[in-house]
């Protein structure tokens, strides 16, 4: 699995290339929880990660939210937070969450072999 925060952009020659839009920061610990590499929020203080789609083979896939059909916590109580990244019900999982599902193969995102790109 490949994670990159990049946007596809055409060069002067008409070819498409990946251009970085956000630098991923190393995960650091705060007084409360870990900092998300995408939204830079304290995982225990923010509701969830910012909404970004995945791109796979030129196709855009919408990320599942906590409690969505197919999510690890599908059908959970609306007061529930993800057991791993602490995202609230109805919000997106944070980067590196072991409960987020791959929108392509429906497996665990952390361990699937799909090449996905984050796209805003």
PDB file of N, CA and C in Angstrom:
ATOM      1  N   UNK A   1       0.850  -1.166   0.000  1.00  0.00           N
ATOM      2  CA  UNK A   1       0.000   0.000   0.000  1.00  0.00           C
ATOM      3  C   UNK A   1       0.896   1.229   0.000  1.00  0.00           C
ATOM      4  N   UNK A   2       0.524   2.216  -0.786  1.00  0.00           N
ATOM      5  CA  UNK A   2       1.297   3.447  -0.887  1.00  0.00           C
ATOM      6  C   UNK A   2       0.398   4.601  -0.488  1.00  0.00           C
ATOM      7  N   UNK A   3       0.843   5.417   0.439  1.00  0.00           N
ATOM      8  CA  UNK A   3       0.119   6.618   0.807  1.00  0.00           C
ATOM      9  C   UNK A   3       0.908   7.817   0.352  1.00  0.00           C
ATOM     10  N   UNK A   4       0.256   8.758  -0.287  1.00  0.00           N
ATOM     11  CA  UNK A   4       0.901   9.989  -0.689  1.00  0.00           C
ATOM     12  C   UNK A   4      -0.142  11.084  -0.710  1.00  0.00           C
ATOM     13  N   UNK A   5       0.250  12.243  -0.299  1.00  0.00           N
ATOM     14  CA  UNK A   5      -0.632  13.395  -0.369  1.00  0.00           C
ATOM     15  C   UNK A   5      -0.190  14.197  -1.580  1.00  0.00           C
ATOM     16  N   UNK A   6      -0.713  13.821  -2.718  1.00  0.00           N
ATOM     17  CA  UNK A   6      -0.298  14.431  -3.968  1.00  0.00           C
ATOM     18  C   UNK A   6      -1.509  14.687  -4.844  1.00  0.00           C
ATOM     19  N   UNK A   7      -1.329  15.568  -5.784  1.00  0.00           N
ATOM     20  CA  UNK A   7      -2.377  15.875  -6.742  1.00  0.00           C
ATOM     21  C   UNK A   7      -1.835  15.618  -8.136  1.00  0.00           C
ATOM     22  N   UNK A   8      -2.665  15.063  -9.003  1.00  0.00           N
ATOM     23  CA  UNK A   8      -2.261  14.833 -10.380  1.00  0.00           C
ATOM     24  C   UNK A   8      -2.279  16.172 -11.121  1.00  0.00           C
ATOM     25  N   UNK A   9      -1.234  16.439 -11.882  1.00  0.00           N
ATOM     26  CA  UNK A   9      -1.139  17.694 -12.605  1.00  0.00           C
ATOM     27  C   UNK A   9      -0.478  17.435 -13.957  1.00  0.00           C
ATOM     28  N   UNK A  10      -0.990  18.077 -14.986  1.00  0.00           N
ATOM     29  CA  UNK A  10      -0.405  17.898 -16.316  1.00  0.00           C
ATOM     30  C   UNK A  10       0.813  18.794 -16.468  1.00  0.00           C
ATOM     31  N   UNK A  11       1.870  18.223 -17.055  1.00  0.00           N
ATOM     32  CA  UNK A  11       3.077  18.993 -17.320  1.00  0.00           C
ATOM     33  C   UNK A  11       2.911  19.745 -18.635  1.00  0.00           C
ATOM     34  N   UNK A  12       3.887  20.562 -18.977  1.00  0.00           N
ATOM     35  CA  UNK A  12       3.840  21.324 -20.223  1.00  0.00           C
ATOM     36  C   UNK A  12       3.788  20.407 -21.444  1.00  0.00           C
ATOM     37  N   UNK A  13       4.306  19.201 -21.315  1.00  0.00           N
ATOM     38  CA  UNK A  13       4.306  18.236 -22.415  1.00  0.00           C
ATOM     39  C   UNK A  13       3.013  17.431 -22.471  1.00  0.00           C
ATOM     40  N   UNK A  14       2.054  17.709 -21.568  1.00  0.00           N
ATOM     41  CA  UNK A  14       0.773  17.028 -21.573  1.00  0.00           C
ATOM     42  C   UNK A  14       0.720  15.737 -20.785  1.00  0.00           C
ATOM     43  N   UNK A  15       1.837  15.367 -20.167  1.00  0.00           N
ATOM     44  CA  UNK A  15       1.854  14.146 -19.367  1.00  0.00           C
ATOM     45  C   UNK A  15       1.377  14.450 -17.954  1.00  0.00           C
ATOM     46  N   UNK A  16       0.710  13.460 -17.339  1.00  0.00           N
ATOM     47  CA  UNK A  16       0.231  13.620 -15.972  1.00  0.00           C
ATOM     48  C   UNK A  16       1.304  13.155 -15.003  1.00  0.00           C
ATOM     49  N   UNK A  17       1.514  13.946 -13.957  1.00  0.00           N
ATOM     50  CA  UNK A  17       2.484  13.564 -12.924  1.00  0.00           C
ATOM     51  C   UNK A  17       1.885  13.869 -11.567  1.00  0.00           C
ATOM     52  N   UNK A  18       2.453  13.262 -10.546  1.00  0.00           N
ATOM     53  CA  UNK A  18       2.013  13.477  -9.178  1.00  0.00           C
ATOM     54  C   UNK A  18       2.790  14.652  -8.590  1.00  0.00           C
ATOM     55  N   UNK A  19       2.083  15.617  -8.019  1.00  0.00           N
ATOM     56  CA  UNK A  19       2.709  16.792  -7.436  1.00  0.00           C
ATOM     57  C   UNK A  19       2.334  16.846  -5.962  1.00  0.00           C
ATOM     58  N   UNK A  20       3.319  16.925  -5.058  1.00  0.00           N
ATOM     59  CA  UNK A  20       3.007  16.966  -3.624  1.00  0.00           C
ATOM     60  C   UNK A  20       2.172  18.181  -3.259  1.00  0.00           C
ATOM     61  N   UNK A  21       1.158  17.972  -2.406  1.00  0.00           N
ATOM     62  CA  UNK A  21       0.358  19.093  -1.915  1.00  0.00           C
ATOM     63  C   UNK A  21       0.457  19.241  -0.399  1.00  0.00           C
ATOM     64  N   UNK A  22       0.722  18.147   0.303  1.00  0.00           N
ATOM     65  CA  UNK A  22       0.829  18.188   1.766  1.00  0.00           C
ATOM     66  C   UNK A  22       1.982  17.290   2.192  1.00  0.00           C
ATOM     67  N   UNK A  23       2.804  17.765   3.083  1.00  0.00           N
ATOM     68  CA  UNK A  23       3.875  16.928   3.618  1.00  0.00           C
ATOM     69  C   UNK A  23       3.335  16.184   4.831  1.00  0.00           C
ATOM     70  N   UNK A  24       3.618  14.881   4.895  1.00  0.00           N
ATOM     71  CA  UNK A  24       3.187  14.102   6.053  1.00  0.00           C
ATOM     72  C   UNK A  24       4.191  14.312   7.182  1.00  0.00           C
ATOM     73  N   UNK A  25       3.679  14.550   8.356  1.00  0.00           N
ATOM     74  CA  UNK A  25       4.535  14.744   9.513  1.00  0.00           C
ATOM     75  C   UNK A  25       4.676  13.434  10.274  1.00  0.00           C
ATOM     76  N   UNK A  26       5.772  13.291  10.966  1.00  0.00           N
ATOM     77  CA  UNK A  26       5.961  12.115  11.804  1.00  0.00           C
ATOM     78  C   UNK A  26       4.948  12.153  12.938  1.00  0.00           C
ATOM     79  N   UNK A  27       4.460  10.983  13.317  1.00  0.00           N
ATOM     80  CA  UNK A  27       3.507  10.921  14.412  1.00  0.00           C
ATOM     81  C   UNK A  27       4.222  11.264  15.712  1.00  0.00           C
ATOM     82  N   UNK A  28       3.663  12.201  16.454  1.00  0.00           N
ATOM     83  CA  UNK A  28       4.242  12.600  17.732  1.00  0.00           C
ATOM     84  C   UNK A  28       3.181  12.482  18.804  1.00  0.00           C
ATOM     85  N   UNK A  29       3.605  12.290  20.013  1.00  0.00           N
ATOM     86  CA  UNK A  29       2.675  12.183  21.137  1.00  0.00           C
ATOM     87  C   UNK A  29       2.507  13.554  21.785  1.00  0.00           C
ATOM     88  N   UNK A  30       1.278  13.846  22.200  1.00  0.00           N
ATOM     89  CA  UNK A  30       0.986  15.063  22.946  1.00  0.00           C
ATOM     90  C   UNK A  30       0.539  14.640  24.337  1.00  0.00           C
ATOM     91  N   UNK A  31       0.044  15.588  25.107  1.00  0.00           N
ATOM     92  CA  UNK A  31      -0.444  15.260  26.446  1.00  0.00           C
ATOM     93  C   UNK A  31      -1.624  14.286  26.383  1.00  0.00           C
ATOM     94  N   UNK A  32      -2.394  14.333  25.286  1.00  0.00           N
ATOM     95  CA  UNK A  32      -3.602  13.523  25.206  1.00  0.00           C
ATOM     96  C   UNK A  32      -3.456  12.333  24.259  1.00  0.00           C
ATOM     97  N   UNK A  33      -3.152  12.584  23.000  1.00  0.00           N
ATOM     98  CA  UNK A  33      -3.134  11.499  22.028  1.00  0.00           C
ATOM     99  C   UNK A  33      -2.146  11.763  20.908  1.00  0.00           C
ATOM    100  N   UNK A  34      -2.202  10.916  19.902  1.00  0.00           N
ATOM    101  CA  UNK A  34      -1.299  11.047  18.765  1.00  0.00           C
ATOM    102  C   UNK A  34      -1.813  12.126  17.816  1.00  0.00           C
ATOM    103  N   UNK A  35      -0.910  12.686  17.037  1.00  0.00           N
ATOM    104  CA  UNK A  35      -1.244  13.694  16.036  1.00  0.00           C
ATOM    105  C   UNK A  35      -1.407  13.006  14.690  1.00  0.00           C
ATOM    106  N   UNK A  36      -2.516  13.273  14.005  1.00  0.00           N
ATOM    107  CA  UNK A  36      -2.781  12.683  12.693  1.00  0.00           C
ATOM    108  C   UNK A  36      -1.817  13.267  11.661  1.00  0.00           C
ATOM    109  N   UNK A  37      -1.307  12.410  10.791  1.00  0.00           N
ATOM    110  CA  UNK A  37      -0.357  12.834   9.761  1.00  0.00           C
ATOM    111  C   UNK A  37      -1.026  13.602   8.622  1.00  0.00           C
ATOM    112  N   UNK A  38      -2.330  13.551   8.540  1.00  0.00           N
ATOM    113  CA  UNK A  38      -3.028  14.256   7.468  1.00  0.00           C
ATOM    114  C   UNK A  38      -3.639  15.564   7.954  1.00  0.00           C
ATOM    115  N   UNK A  39      -4.457  15.508   8.991  1.00  0.00           N
ATOM    116  CA  UNK A  39      -5.145  16.722   9.446  1.00  0.00           C
ATOM    117  C   UNK A  39      -4.363  17.477  10.521  1.00  0.00           C
ATOM    118  N   UNK A  40      -3.307  16.865  11.041  1.00  0.00           N
ATOM    119  CA  UNK A  40      -2.473  17.448  12.095  1.00  0.00           C
ATOM    120  C   UNK A  40      -3.239  17.713  13.389  1.00  0.00           C
ATOM    121  N   UNK A  41      -4.383  17.059  13.550  1.00  0.00           N
ATOM    122  CA  UNK A  41      -5.167  17.225  14.763  1.00  0.00           C
ATOM    123  C   UNK A  41      -4.827  16.169  15.801  1.00  0.00           C
ATOM    124  N   UNK A  42      -5.002  16.516  17.058  1.00  0.00           N
ATOM    125  CA  UNK A  42      -4.843  15.569  18.157  1.00  0.00           C
ATOM    126  C   UNK A  42      -6.016  14.598  18.054  1.00  0.00           C
ATOM    127  N   UNK A  43      -5.747  13.334  17.844  1.00  0.00           N
ATOM    128  CA  UNK A  43      -6.793  12.349  17.587  1.00  0.00           C
ATOM    129  C   UNK A  43      -7.828  12.236  18.693  1.00  0.00           C
ATOM    130  N   UNK A  44      -7.475  12.600  19.911  1.00  0.00           N
ATOM    131  CA  UNK A  44      -8.435  12.522  21.010  1.00  0.00           C
ATOM    132  C   UNK A  44      -9.228  13.818  21.188  1.00  0.00           C
ATOM    133  N   UNK A  45      -8.848  14.871  20.451  1.00  0.00           N
ATOM    134  CA  UNK A  45      -9.524  16.157  20.610  1.00  0.00           C
ATOM    135  C   UNK A  45     -10.394  16.540  19.414  1.00  0.00           C
ATOM    136  N   UNK A  46     -10.067  16.064  18.224  1.00  0.00           N
ATOM    137  CA  UNK A  46     -10.854  16.421  17.036  1.00  0.00           C
ATOM    138  C   UNK A  46     -11.884  15.326  16.755  1.00  0.00           C
ATOM    139  N   UNK A  47     -12.933  15.689  16.022  1.00  0.00           N
ATOM    140  CA  UNK A  47     -13.996  14.723  15.723  1.00  0.00           C
ATOM    141  C   UNK A  47     -13.537  13.624  14.775  1.00  0.00           C
ATOM    142  N   UNK A  48     -12.689  13.955  13.823  1.00  0.00           N
ATOM    143  CA  UNK A  48     -12.195  12.985  12.842  1.00  0.00           C
ATOM    144  C   UNK A  48     -11.248  13.665  11.880  1.00  0.00           C
ATOM    145  N   UNK A  49     -10.759  12.903  10.922  1.00  0.00           N
ATOM    146  CA  UNK A  49      -9.814  13.425   9.944  1.00  0.00           C
ATOM    147  C   UNK A  49     -10.564  14.240   8.892  1.00  0.00           C
ATOM    148  N   UNK A  50      -9.826  15.088   8.185  1.00  0.00           N
ATOM    149  CA  UNK A  50     -10.494  15.878   7.150  1.00  0.00           C
ATOM    150  C   UNK A  50     -10.896  14.977   5.983  1.00  0.00           C
ATOM    151  N   UNK A  51     -11.997  15.320   5.323  1.00  0.00           N
ATOM    152  CA  UNK A  51     -12.494  14.471   4.235  1.00  0.00           C
ATOM    153  C   UNK A  51     -11.611  14.552   2.998  1.00  0.00           C
ATOM    154  N   UNK A  52     -10.991  13.445   2.664  1.00  0.00           N
ATOM    155  CA  UNK A  52     -10.181  13.337   1.459  1.00  0.00           C
ATOM    156  C   UNK A  52     -10.541  12.019   0.792  1.00  0.00           C
ATOM    157  N   UNK A  53     -10.635  12.024  -0.513  1.00  0.00           N
ATOM    158  CA  UNK A  53     -10.912  10.800  -1.254  1.00  0.00           C
ATOM    159  C   UNK A  53      -9.612  10.080  -1.570  1.00  0.00           C
ATOM    160  N   UNK A  54      -9.730   8.831  -1.990  1.00  0.00           N
ATOM    161  CA  UNK A  54      -8.592   8.062  -2.482  1.00  0.00           C
ATOM    162  C   UNK A  54      -8.681   7.978  -4.004  1.00  0.00           C
ATOM    163  N   UNK A  55      -7.534   7.952  -4.650  1.00  0.00           N
ATOM    164  CA  UNK A  55      -7.452   7.724  -6.090  1.00  0.00           C
ATOM    165  C   UNK A  55      -6.737   6.387  -6.285  1.00  0.00           C
ATOM    166  N   UNK A  56      -7.339   5.519  -7.111  1.00  0.00           N
ATOM    167  CA  UNK A  56      -6.731   4.230  -7.447  1.00  0.00           C
ATOM    168  C   UNK A  56      -6.993   3.986  -8.928  1.00  0.00           C
ATOM    169  N   UNK A  57      -5.936   3.827  -9.709  1.00  0.00           N
ATOM    170  CA  UNK A  57      -6.063   3.618 -11.157  1.00  0.00           C
ATOM    171  C   UNK A  57      -6.971   4.657 -11.809  1.00  0.00           C
ATOM    172  N   UNK A  58      -6.731   5.920 -11.473  1.00  0.00           N
ATOM    173  CA  UNK A  58      -7.469   7.051 -12.051  1.00  0.00           C
ATOM    174  C   UNK A  58      -8.936   7.121 -11.624  1.00  0.00           C
ATOM    175  N   UNK A  59      -9.354   6.290 -10.667  1.00  0.00           N
ATOM    176  CA  UNK A  59     -10.734   6.288 -10.189  1.00  0.00           C
ATOM    177  C   UNK A  59     -10.760   6.845  -8.763  1.00  0.00           C
ATOM    178  N   UNK A  60     -11.716   7.733  -8.508  1.00  0.00           N
ATOM    179  CA  UNK A  60     -11.870   8.347  -7.175  1.00  0.00           C
ATOM    180  C   UNK A  60     -12.776   7.472  -6.311  1.00  0.00           C
ATOM    181  N   UNK A  61     -12.331   7.184  -5.104  1.00  0.00           N
ATOM    182  CA  UNK A  61     -13.098   6.398  -4.145  1.00  0.00           C
ATOM    183  C   UNK A  61     -13.336   7.241  -2.889  1.00  0.00           C
ATOM    184  N   UNK A  62     -14.555   7.220  -2.402  1.00  0.00           N
ATOM    185  CA  UNK A  62     -14.891   7.940  -1.177  1.00  0.00           C
ATOM    186  C   UNK A  62     -14.524   7.075   0.016  1.00  0.00           C
ATOM    187  N   UNK A  63     -13.878   7.679   0.993  1.00  0.00           N
ATOM    188  CA  UNK A  63     -13.512   6.951   2.203  1.00  0.00           C
ATOM    189  C   UNK A  63     -14.746   6.706   3.062  1.00  0.00           C
ATOM    190  N   UNK A  64     -14.768   5.567   3.731  1.00  0.00           N
ATOM    191  CA  UNK A  64     -15.863   5.251   4.643  1.00  0.00           C
ATOM    192  C   UNK A  64     -15.655   6.007   5.952  1.00  0.00           C
ATOM    193  N   UNK A  65     -16.769   6.378   6.546  1.00  0.00           N
ATOM    194  CA  UNK A  65     -16.730   7.050   7.842  1.00  0.00           C
ATOM    195  C   UNK A  65     -16.985   6.023   8.943  1.00  0.00           C
ATOM    196  N   UNK A  66     -16.646   6.370  10.162  1.00  0.00           N
ATOM    197  CA  UNK A  66     -16.891   5.489  11.305  1.00  0.00           C
ATOM    198  C   UNK A  66     -18.388   5.198  11.383  1.00  0.00           C
ATOM    199  N   UNK A  67     -18.746   3.913  11.393  1.00  0.00           N
ATOM    200  CA  UNK A  67     -20.131   3.483  11.488  1.00  0.00           C
ATOM    201  C   UNK A  67     -20.812   3.243  10.151  1.00  0.00           C
ATOM    202  N   UNK A  68     -20.175   3.643   9.014  1.00  0.00           N
ATOM    203  CA  UNK A  68     -20.762   3.411   7.689  1.00  0.00           C
ATOM    204  C   UNK A  68     -20.894   1.918   7.397  1.00  0.00           C
ATOM    205  N   UNK A  69     -21.737   1.582   6.431  1.00  0.00           N
ATOM    206  CA  UNK A  69     -21.859   0.200   5.978  1.00  0.00           C
ATOM    207  C   UNK A  69     -20.493  -0.254   5.463  1.00  0.00           C
ATOM    208  N   UNK A  70     -20.022  -1.385   5.954  1.00  0.00           N
ATOM    209  CA  UNK A  70     -18.717  -1.902   5.573  1.00  0.00           C
ATOM    210  C   UNK A  70     -17.576  -1.465   6.474  1.00  0.00           C
ATOM    211  N   UNK A  71     -17.822  -0.495   7.343  1.00  0.00           N
ATOM    212  CA  UNK A  71     -16.791  -0.047   8.279  1.00  0.00           C
ATOM    213  C   UNK A  71     -16.644  -1.075   9.398  1.00  0.00           C
ATOM    214  N   UNK A  72     -15.476  -1.116  10.033  1.00  0.00           N
ATOM    215  CA  UNK A  72     -15.230  -2.040  11.143  1.00  0.00           C
ATOM    216  C   UNK A  72     -16.299  -1.871  12.229  1.00  0.00           C
ATOM    217  N   UNK A  73     -16.698  -0.618  12.473  1.00  0.00           N
ATOM    218  CA  UNK A  73     -17.692  -0.316  13.514  1.00  0.00           C
ATOM    219  C   UNK A  73     -19.084  -0.093  12.931  1.00  0.00           C
ATOM    220  N   UNK A  74     -19.409  -0.806  11.857  1.00  0.00           N
ATOM    221  CA  UNK A  74     -20.714  -0.653  11.211  1.00  0.00           C
ATOM    222  C   UNK A  74     -21.841  -0.893  12.200  1.00  0.00           C
ATOM    223  N   UNK A  75     -22.806   0.021  12.215  1.00  0.00           N
ATOM    224  CA  UNK A  75     -23.971  -0.136  13.073  1.00  0.00           C
ATOM    225  C   UNK A  75     -23.724   0.154  14.536  1.00  0.00           C
ATOM    226  N   UNK A  76     -22.589   0.738  14.861  1.00  0.00           N
ATOM    227  CA  UNK A  76     -22.291   1.013  16.268  1.00  0.00           C
ATOM    228  C   UNK A  76     -23.150   2.163  16.794  1.00  0.00           C
ATOM    229  N   UNK A  77     -23.136   2.333  18.077  1.00  0.00           N
ATOM    230  CA  UNK A  77     -23.868   3.409  18.731  1.00  0.00           C
ATOM    231  C   UNK A  77     -23.307   4.753  18.264  1.00  0.00           C
ATOM    232  N   UNK A  78     -24.155   5.746  17.987  1.00  0.00           N
ATOM    233  CA  UNK A  78     -23.675   7.053  17.530  1.00  0.00           C
ATOM    234  C   UNK A  78     -22.756   7.786  18.506  1.00  0.00           C
ATOM    235  N   UNK A  79     -22.701   7.353  19.746  1.00  0.00           N
ATOM    236  CA  UNK A  79     -21.781   7.969  20.713  1.00  0.00           C
ATOM    237  C   UNK A  79     -20.403   7.317  20.684  1.00  0.00           C
ATOM    238  N   UNK A  80     -20.223   6.324  19.815  1.00  0.00           N
ATOM    239  CA  UNK A  80     -18.983   5.560  19.749  1.00  0.00           C
ATOM    240  C   UNK A  80     -17.871   6.339  19.060  1.00  0.00           C
ATOM    241  N   UNK A  81     -16.644   6.115  19.528  1.00  0.00           N
ATOM    242  CA  UNK A  81     -15.444   6.597  18.837  1.00  0.00           C
ATOM    243  C   UNK A  81     -14.707   5.364  18.337  1.00  0.00           C
ATOM    244  N   UNK A  82     -13.966   5.504  17.242  1.00  0.00           N
ATOM    245  CA  UNK A  82     -13.172   4.392  16.717  1.00  0.00           C
ATOM    246  C   UNK A  82     -12.213   3.904  17.805  1.00  0.00           C
ATOM    247  N   UNK A  83     -12.085   2.585  17.933  1.00  0.00           N
ATOM    248  CA  UNK A  83     -11.232   2.009  18.983  1.00  0.00           C
ATOM    249  C   UNK A  83      -9.750   2.311  18.761  1.00  0.00           C
ATOM    250  N   UNK A  84      -9.358   2.643  17.525  1.00  0.00           N
ATOM    251  CA  UNK A  84      -7.934   2.875  17.241  1.00  0.00           C
ATOM    252  C   UNK A  84      -7.582   4.355  17.120  1.00  0.00           C
ATOM    253  N   UNK A  85      -8.323   5.099  16.277  1.00  0.00           N
ATOM    254  CA  UNK A  85      -7.935   6.497  16.013  1.00  0.00           C
ATOM    255  C   UNK A  85      -8.807   7.507  16.749  1.00  0.00           C
ATOM    256  N   UNK A  86      -9.830   7.051  17.421  1.00  0.00           N
ATOM    257  CA  UNK A  86     -10.724   7.889  18.228  1.00  0.00           C
ATOM    258  C   UNK A  86     -11.595   8.838  17.405  1.00  0.00           C
ATOM    259  N   UNK A  87     -11.747   8.594  16.099  1.00  0.00           N
ATOM    260  CA  UNK A  87     -12.655   9.412  15.294  1.00  0.00           C
ATOM    261  C   UNK A  87     -14.088   9.138  15.748  1.00  0.00           C
ATOM    262  N   UNK A  88     -14.891  10.184  15.795  1.00  0.00           N
ATOM    263  CA  UNK A  88     -16.280  10.034  16.219  1.00  0.00           C
ATOM    264  C   UNK A  88     -17.119   9.400  15.116  1.00  0.00           C
ATOM    265  N   UNK A  89     -18.217   8.801  15.522  1.00  0.00           N
ATOM    266  CA  UNK A  89     -19.196   8.221  14.614  1.00  0.00           C
ATOM    267  C   UNK A  89     -19.580   9.274  13.564  1.00  0.00           C
ATOM    268  N   UNK A  90     -19.584   8.870  12.285  1.00  0.00           N
ATOM    269  CA  UNK A  90     -19.954   9.788  11.206  1.00  0.00           C
ATOM    270  C   UNK A  90     -18.821  10.636  10.675  1.00  0.00           C
ATOM    271  N   UNK A  91     -17.610  10.434  11.203  1.00  0.00           N
ATOM    272  CA  UNK A  91     -16.432  11.190  10.758  1.00  0.00           C
ATOM    273  C   UNK A  91     -15.403  10.227  10.178  1.00  0.00           C
ATOM    274  N   UNK A  92     -14.455  10.760   9.412  1.00  0.00           N
ATOM    275  CA  UNK A  92     -13.435   9.938   8.773  1.00  0.00           C
ATOM    276  C   UNK A  92     -12.371   9.474   9.767  1.00  0.00           C
ATOM    277  N   UNK A  93     -11.870   8.256   9.543  1.00  0.00           N
ATOM    278  CA  UNK A  93     -10.760   7.726  10.340  1.00  0.00           C
ATOM    279  C   UNK A  93      -9.507   8.567  10.070  1.00  0.00           C
ATOM    280  N   UNK A  94      -8.581   8.537  11.017  1.00  0.00           N
ATOM    281  CA  UNK A  94      -7.307   9.240  10.860  1.00  0.00           C
ATOM    282  C   UNK A  94      -6.302   8.353  10.120  1.00  0.00           C
ATOM    283  N   UNK A  95      -5.263   8.980   9.581  1.00  0.00           N
ATOM    284  CA  UNK A  95      -4.220   8.262   8.839  1.00  0.00           C
ATOM    285  C   UNK A  95      -3.614   7.162   9.701  1.00  0.00           C
ATOM    286  N   UNK A  96      -3.494   5.973   9.121  1.00  0.00           N
ATOM    287  CA  UNK A  96      -2.868   4.863   9.813  1.00  0.00           C
ATOM    288  C   UNK A  96      -3.788   4.094  10.740  1.00  0.00           C
ATOM    289  N   UNK A  97      -5.070   4.401  10.731  1.00  0.00           N
ATOM    290  CA  UNK A  97      -6.015   3.709  11.610  1.00  0.00           C
ATOM    291  C   UNK A  97      -6.171   2.259  11.171  1.00  0.00           C
ATOM    292  N   UNK A  98      -6.109   1.338  12.126  1.00  0.00           N
ATOM    293  CA  UNK A  98      -6.218  -0.082  11.763  1.00  0.00           C
ATOM    294  C   UNK A  98      -7.662  -0.518  11.517  1.00  0.00           C
ATOM    295  N   UNK A  99      -8.631   0.369  11.744  1.00  0.00           N
ATOM    296  CA  UNK A  99     -10.030   0.019  11.506  1.00  0.00           C
ATOM    297  C   UNK A  99     -10.548   0.532  10.162  1.00  0.00           C
ATOM    298  N   UNK A 100      -9.775   1.373   9.477  1.00  0.00           N
ATOM    299  CA  UNK A 100     -10.252   1.898   8.191  1.00  0.00           C
ATOM    300  C   UNK A 100     -10.171   0.817   7.119  1.00  0.00           C
ATOM    301  N   UNK A 101     -11.217   0.728   6.307  1.00  0.00           N
ATOM    302  CA  UNK A 101     -11.307  -0.266   5.226  1.00  0.00           C
ATOM    303  C   UNK A 101     -10.870   0.347   3.904  1.00  0.00           C
ATOM    304  N   UNK A 102     -10.229  -0.461   3.075  1.00  0.00           N
ATOM    305  CA  UNK A 102      -9.842  -0.036   1.740  1.00  0.00           C
ATOM    306  C   UNK A 102     -11.105   0.046   0.883  1.00  0.00           C
ATOM    307  N   UNK A 103     -11.321   1.165   0.187  1.00  0.00           N
ATOM    308  CA  UNK A 103     -12.521   1.272  -0.641  1.00  0.00           C
ATOM    309  C   UNK A 103     -12.453   0.433  -1.921  1.00  0.00           C
ATOM    310  N   UNK A 104     -11.280  -0.081  -2.249  1.00  0.00           N
ATOM    311  CA  UNK A 104     -11.110  -0.877  -3.468  1.00  0.00           C
ATOM    312  C   UNK A 104     -11.337  -2.363  -3.176  1.00  0.00           C
ATOM    313  N   UNK A 105     -10.576  -2.921  -2.225  1.00  0.00           N
ATOM    314  CA  UNK A 105     -10.655  -4.361  -1.947  1.00  0.00           C
ATOM    315  C   UNK A 105     -11.490  -4.688  -0.710  1.00  0.00           C
ATOM    316  N   UNK A 106     -11.892  -3.677   0.042  1.00  0.00           N
ATOM    317  CA  UNK A 106     -12.696  -3.798   1.269  1.00  0.00           C
ATOM    318  C   UNK A 106     -11.950  -4.466   2.424  1.00  0.00           C
ATOM    319  N   UNK A 107     -10.652  -4.698   2.272  1.00  0.00           N
ATOM    320  CA  UNK A 107      -9.836  -5.252   3.348  1.00  0.00           C
ATOM    321  C   UNK A 107      -9.377  -4.154   4.289  1.00  0.00           C
ATOM    322  N   UNK A 108      -8.590  -4.535   5.260  1.00  0.00           N
ATOM    323  CA  UNK A 108      -8.029  -3.558   6.195  1.00  0.00           C
ATOM    324  C   UNK A 108      -7.059  -2.668   5.418  1.00  0.00           C
ATOM    325  N   UNK A 109      -7.259  -1.357   5.467  1.00  0.00           N
ATOM    326  CA  UNK A 109      -6.467  -0.426   4.678  1.00  0.00           C
ATOM    327  C   UNK A 109      -4.974  -0.526   4.986  1.00  0.00           C
ATOM    328  N   UNK A 110      -4.641  -0.728   6.238  1.00  0.00           N
ATOM    329  CA  UNK A 110      -3.231  -0.811   6.627  1.00  0.00           C
ATOM    330  C   UNK A 110      -2.495  -1.985   5.990  1.00  0.00           C
ATOM    331  N   UNK A 111      -3.206  -3.057   5.717  1.00  0.00           N
ATOM    332  CA  UNK A 111      -2.519  -4.258   5.242  1.00  0.00           C
ATOM    333  C   UNK A 111      -2.842  -4.644   3.801  1.00  0.00           C
ATOM    334  N   UNK A 112      -3.682  -3.863   3.111  1.00  0.00           N
ATOM    335  CA  UNK A 112      -3.993  -4.223   1.729  1.00  0.00           C
ATOM    336  C   UNK A 112      -2.835  -3.809   0.815  1.00  0.00           C
ATOM    337  N   UNK A 113      -2.840  -4.321  -0.393  1.00  0.00           N
ATOM    338  CA  UNK A 113      -1.762  -4.029  -1.334  1.00  0.00           C
ATOM    339  C   UNK A 113      -2.188  -3.065  -2.438  1.00  0.00           C
ATOM    340  N   UNK A 114      -3.356  -2.441  -2.286  1.00  0.00           N
ATOM    341  CA  UNK A 114      -3.828  -1.481  -3.278  1.00  0.00           C
ATOM    342  C   UNK A 114      -2.976  -0.206  -3.207  1.00  0.00           C
ATOM    343  N   UNK A 115      -2.669   0.359  -4.345  1.00  0.00           N
ATOM    344  CA  UNK A 115      -1.921   1.618  -4.378  1.00  0.00           C
ATOM    345  C   UNK A 115      -2.928   2.754  -4.387  1.00  0.00           C
ATOM    346  N   UNK A 116      -3.039   3.419  -3.263  1.00  0.00           N
ATOM    347  CA  UNK A 116      -4.007   4.492  -3.097  1.00  0.00           C
ATOM    348  C   UNK A 116      -3.293   5.821  -2.910  1.00  0.00           C
ATOM    349  N   UNK A 117      -3.889   6.889  -3.438  1.00  0.00           N
ATOM    350  CA  UNK A 117      -3.374   8.247  -3.290  1.00  0.00           C
ATOM    351  C   UNK A 117      -4.454   9.083  -2.650  1.00  0.00           C
ATOM    352  N   UNK A 118      -4.106   9.868  -1.649  1.00  0.00           N
ATOM    353  CA  UNK A 118      -5.062  10.793  -1.058  1.00  0.00           C
ATOM    354  C   UNK A 118      -5.267  11.950  -2.046  1.00  0.00           C
ATOM    355  N   UNK A 119      -6.502  12.415  -2.146  1.00  0.00           N
ATOM    356  CA  UNK A 119      -6.801  13.551  -3.008  1.00  0.00           C
ATOM    357  C   UNK A 119      -7.884  14.368  -2.343  1.00  0.00           C
ATOM    358  N   UNK A 120      -7.690  15.680  -2.307  1.00  0.00           N
ATOM    359  CA  UNK A 120      -8.669  16.555  -1.652  1.00  0.00           C
ATOM    360  C   UNK A 120      -9.847  16.833  -2.544  1.00  0.00           C
TER     361      UNK A 120
END
